[in-house]
Amino acid sequence: MIPVRCFSCGKVISNSWEEYKKRTGEGEDKAAVMDDLGLSRYCCRRIFLAHVELVDTVAPYQ
């Protein structure tokens, strides 16, 4: 689950996650996709680059 807002600057970033995941999964450059989605601040970009989807891994144990 991606955070709704950036921890540092407070910009809403969750609305771009699905598009980012789809486009990078198709092989597009991550930096180009983030530029296109308007994620220009390094604090917002780090959340996208460092995010790991753990929901599917943890869900069977609940």
N, C-alpha and C. Protein backbone atom coordinates (compact mmCIF):
# COMPACT_ATOMS: atom_id res chain seq x y z
N MET A 1 0.84 -1.17 0.00
CA MET A 1 0.00 0.00 0.00
C MET A 1 0.89 1.24 0.00
N ILE A 2 0.74 2.03 -1.01
CA ILE A 2 1.52 3.25 -1.15
C ILE A 2 0.92 4.33 -0.24
N PRO A 3 1.74 5.15 0.39
CA PRO A 3 1.20 6.23 1.21
C PRO A 3 0.39 7.22 0.36
N VAL A 4 -0.62 7.82 0.95
CA VAL A 4 -1.45 8.78 0.22
C VAL A 4 -0.66 10.03 -0.10
N ARG A 5 0.11 10.50 0.88
CA ARG A 5 0.90 11.72 0.71
C ARG A 5 2.38 11.42 0.94
N CYS A 6 3.22 12.26 0.35
CA CYS A 6 4.66 12.18 0.57
C CYS A 6 4.93 12.51 2.03
N PHE A 7 5.82 11.77 2.66
CA PHE A 7 6.13 11.99 4.06
C PHE A 7 6.81 13.33 4.29
N SER A 8 7.59 13.79 3.33
CA SER A 8 8.37 15.01 3.52
C SER A 8 7.62 16.28 3.13
N CYS A 9 7.07 16.31 1.92
CA CYS A 9 6.49 17.55 1.42
C CYS A 9 4.97 17.59 1.48
N GLY A 10 4.31 16.45 1.64
CA GLY A 10 2.86 16.42 1.77
C GLY A 10 2.10 16.37 0.46
N LYS A 11 2.79 16.24 -0.67
CA LYS A 11 2.12 16.17 -1.97
C LYS A 11 1.37 14.83 -2.09
N VAL A 12 0.18 14.88 -2.67
CA VAL A 12 -0.60 13.67 -2.91
C VAL A 12 0.09 12.86 -4.01
N ILE A 13 0.47 11.60 -3.70
CA ILE A 13 1.20 10.79 -4.66
C ILE A 13 0.50 9.46 -4.97
N SER A 14 -0.45 9.07 -4.15
CA SER A 14 -1.06 7.75 -4.33
C SER A 14 -1.85 7.62 -5.62
N ASN A 15 -2.32 8.73 -6.17
CA ASN A 15 -3.10 8.66 -7.40
C ASN A 15 -2.25 8.31 -8.61
N SER A 16 -0.94 8.37 -8.49
CA SER A 16 -0.04 8.07 -9.61
C SER A 16 0.54 6.66 -9.55
N TRP A 17 0.33 5.94 -8.46
CA TRP A 17 0.99 4.66 -8.26
C TRP A 17 0.59 3.61 -9.31
N GLU A 18 -0.68 3.46 -9.57
CA GLU A 18 -1.13 2.42 -10.52
C GLU A 18 -0.57 2.68 -11.92
N GLU A 19 -0.59 3.92 -12.36
CA GLU A 19 -0.05 4.27 -13.67
C GLU A 19 1.46 4.00 -13.71
N TYR A 20 2.16 4.36 -12.66
CA TYR A 20 3.59 4.12 -12.56
C TYR A 20 3.90 2.62 -12.64
N LYS A 21 3.17 1.84 -11.87
CA LYS A 21 3.39 0.39 -11.84
C LYS A 21 3.11 -0.24 -13.20
N LYS A 22 2.04 0.21 -13.86
CA LYS A 22 1.69 -0.34 -15.17
C LYS A 22 2.75 -0.01 -16.21
N ARG A 23 3.16 1.24 -16.25
CA ARG A 23 4.11 1.67 -17.28
C ARG A 23 5.51 1.12 -17.07
N THR A 24 5.96 1.02 -15.82
CA THR A 24 7.28 0.44 -15.59
C THR A 24 7.26 -1.07 -15.81
N GLY A 25 6.12 -1.69 -15.57
CA GLY A 25 5.98 -3.12 -15.86
C GLY A 25 6.05 -3.43 -17.34
N GLU A 26 5.69 -2.45 -18.16
CA GLU A 26 5.77 -2.62 -19.62
C GLU A 26 7.16 -2.32 -20.15
N GLY A 27 8.08 -1.89 -19.27
CA GLY A 27 9.46 -1.68 -19.68
C GLY A 27 9.89 -0.24 -19.87
N GLU A 28 9.04 0.71 -19.54
CA GLU A 28 9.43 2.11 -19.68
C GLU A 28 10.44 2.48 -18.60
N ASP A 29 11.24 3.50 -18.88
CA ASP A 29 12.24 3.98 -17.94
C ASP A 29 11.55 4.61 -16.73
N LYS A 30 11.99 4.24 -15.52
CA LYS A 30 11.34 4.72 -14.30
C LYS A 30 11.44 6.23 -14.16
N ALA A 31 12.58 6.79 -14.48
CA ALA A 31 12.76 8.24 -14.36
C ALA A 31 11.85 8.99 -15.32
N ALA A 32 11.72 8.48 -16.53
CA ALA A 32 10.86 9.14 -17.52
C ALA A 32 9.39 9.08 -17.11
N VAL A 33 8.97 7.97 -16.54
CA VAL A 33 7.58 7.82 -16.09
C VAL A 33 7.30 8.78 -14.94
N MET A 34 8.22 8.88 -13.99
CA MET A 34 8.01 9.80 -12.87
C MET A 34 7.99 11.25 -13.34
N ASP A 35 8.83 11.59 -14.30
CA ASP A 35 8.80 12.94 -14.86
C ASP A 35 7.46 13.23 -15.52
N ASP A 36 6.95 12.25 -16.26
CA ASP A 36 5.68 12.41 -16.96
C ASP A 36 4.50 12.53 -15.99
N LEU A 37 4.58 11.84 -14.86
CA LEU A 37 3.51 11.88 -13.86
C LEU A 37 3.59 13.11 -12.95
N GLY A 38 4.62 13.91 -13.10
CA GLY A 38 4.74 15.13 -12.32
C GLY A 38 5.43 14.95 -10.98
N LEU A 39 6.14 13.85 -10.82
CA LEU A 39 6.89 13.61 -9.58
C LEU A 39 8.30 14.14 -9.78
N SER A 40 8.48 15.42 -9.51
CA SER A 40 9.78 16.04 -9.77
C SER A 40 10.63 16.17 -8.51
N ARG A 41 10.02 16.12 -7.35
CA ARG A 41 10.77 16.26 -6.10
C ARG A 41 11.41 14.92 -5.72
N TYR A 42 12.63 14.99 -5.23
CA TYR A 42 13.34 13.75 -4.90
C TYR A 42 12.69 13.01 -3.73
N CYS A 43 12.00 13.74 -2.84
CA CYS A 43 11.36 13.06 -1.71
C CYS A 43 10.20 12.18 -2.19
N CYS A 44 9.45 12.66 -3.18
CA CYS A 44 8.34 11.86 -3.73
C CYS A 44 8.88 10.70 -4.57
N ARG A 45 9.93 10.94 -5.30
CA ARG A 45 10.51 9.91 -6.16
C ARG A 45 11.07 8.75 -5.35
N ARG A 46 11.65 9.06 -4.19
CA ARG A 46 12.24 7.99 -3.37
C ARG A 46 11.17 7.03 -2.86
N ILE A 47 9.97 7.55 -2.58
CA ILE A 47 8.89 6.68 -2.12
C ILE A 47 8.52 5.69 -3.22
N PHE A 48 8.44 6.16 -4.44
CA PHE A 48 8.10 5.27 -5.55
C PHE A 48 9.21 4.26 -5.82
N LEU A 49 10.45 4.68 -5.75
CA LEU A 49 11.57 3.77 -6.02
C LEU A 49 11.77 2.74 -4.92
N ALA A 50 11.50 3.12 -3.68
CA ALA A 50 11.78 2.23 -2.55
C ALA A 50 10.57 1.40 -2.11
N HIS A 51 9.40 1.66 -2.67
CA HIS A 51 8.19 0.97 -2.23
C HIS A 51 8.20 -0.50 -2.64
N VAL A 52 7.82 -1.37 -1.71
CA VAL A 52 7.72 -2.80 -1.95
C VAL A 52 6.31 -3.24 -1.60
N GLU A 53 5.63 -3.91 -2.52
CA GLU A 53 4.26 -4.39 -2.28
C GLU A 53 4.31 -5.64 -1.40
N LEU A 54 3.90 -5.51 -0.15
CA LEU A 54 3.90 -6.63 0.78
C LEU A 54 2.50 -7.13 1.12
N VAL A 55 1.49 -6.47 0.60
CA VAL A 55 0.11 -6.85 0.93
C VAL A 55 -0.19 -8.28 0.49
N ASP A 56 0.22 -8.66 -0.70
CA ASP A 56 -0.04 -10.01 -1.19
C ASP A 56 0.74 -11.05 -0.41
N THR A 57 1.88 -10.69 0.12
CA THR A 57 2.69 -11.62 0.91
C THR A 57 2.12 -11.84 2.30
N VAL A 58 1.60 -10.79 2.91
CA VAL A 58 1.11 -10.84 4.28
C VAL A 58 -0.35 -11.31 4.37
N ALA A 59 -1.13 -11.07 3.34
CA ALA A 59 -2.57 -11.35 3.36
C ALA A 59 -2.94 -12.80 3.73
N PRO A 60 -2.24 -13.81 3.24
CA PRO A 60 -2.64 -15.18 3.61
C PRO A 60 -2.54 -15.50 5.10
N TYR A 61 -1.78 -14.73 5.86
CA TYR A 61 -1.56 -15.02 7.27
C TYR A 61 -2.55 -14.31 8.19
N GLN A 62 -3.47 -13.55 7.64
CA GLN A 62 -4.43 -12.84 8.48
C GLN A 62 -5.66 -13.66 8.75
